[in-house]
Amino acid sequence: MIRVLRLIARLNVGGPALHVTHLTRGLNPARFETRLITGQIGAGEGDMSDLARGLDWHLLPEMGRELAPLADAITLIKLWRLMRAWRPHIVHTHTAKAGAVGRLAARLAGAPIVIHTFHGHTFRGYWGPVGSWATVMAERLLGQLADRLIAVSDRVRDDLIEFQIAAPEKIVTVPLGLDLAPFAAQSRGRAKPAIGIVGRLVPIKNHALFLRLARQLIAEGFDGDFVVVGDGELRSALAVEAADLNGRLTFTGWRRNLSQVYADLSVVVNTSLNEGTPVALIEAMAAGVPVVATAVGGVPDLIHHGQTGWLASNGDVEALAEGVKSALRDDGTVARRAQVEVLQRFSKERLITDVEKLYESLLANTQYRILNTQY
């Protein structure tokens, strides 16, 4: 039995939480035994830890999101002890904090195979020039500690190569895999048009641009509603900024019945400054909702302009407005084409198969080391 230790900083609302729980639950139990270690949810974040119910799941409170030297040192020691006791054959880390302490602990413990998944990156758009440079330098060092780096899209892989995080042959693309059946099965219907955005209310998601889009469309005569689904640190500031929209915009907070949320929307918009592969857009497309997004990060790998959605340059409110108007005019052809594509490309079954194949290839290359290691 191959033991897999999977690490993620926290199971907050978003794609990585879905990704790791699908993998932990779905790997062939006759071949793999998987244990999931997560950190603490941050204040104001949506909690998806219920997804881990029934799994071999353990909470490591010190492994939070923020940089905290003492807590990070404690995390490193605890992970090293766990790895020495349980002796995983594969340590697979997800998200930046878990990837940093997890890869270091794995190499200190002598784990035979170490993998890290980039669900996106923070090389641009998150920090200033100095912070971005420091992040790149740190990831270059950490890249040497992994046998493989996984990117969730070809665009993310290209970025990892551009920033010289590791040699190209060390980086592979494994697209996200999600349970999309509930979205595809949900019937749609709403009398009044509504434009929505789904995601954390944090700076990188650039909700201020969505508010500008709402004002632009209203000025051009759009008589529908606007919906912001999610929560986060910017909730209060955005509510103040949206006061001039006179009740045309609603903040719903976190919602768990997302299939119904999408069914009630006419168009889903993404205004992010940077993205890996945005789960909200995949879910919307699976639900048959047309999508409009800024062409950042892995978004162009997901949306083909005019074919499966509409793209706009980062910050271009005019282009976003044109995209929304095109989506509202479309007879459903684009949304149906997008639905077929994402249901084929982003199923959880495909994800599990891809990861199992990667594991098996690495196991075959390190079989002698695994059989003979004394770590």
Foldseek 3Di string as FASTA:
>chain_A
DAEEEEEEAALFPFQVNQQVLLQQPPADPVVYHYAYEYEDDDPWTHHDCVSCPPGNYDYQHLSHDDDDVVSLVVVLVVLLVVCLVVVGLEYEYEDDSCLQSVLVSCVVNPRNAYEYEYQFAPLPDPDPPVVSVVRLVSLLVSLVSHQAYEAQAVLRLVVCVVSCSDPSVRYYYQHAAHAQVLLLPDAADDPFAEEEEEDEPDVQQPCVLVLVLLVVVVVVPRDAAYEYEAYYDCVVVVCVVNVVVPPRYYYDHHDDVVSVVLRHHQEYETQGPAGRDGPVVLNNLLNLHAYEYEPHHRVCVLDDDPQQHHYDHRSPSVRSNVRVVVSNPDPSRNSVRSNVVSVVRHHSVSSNVVVVVVVVVSCVVCVVVVVPPDD
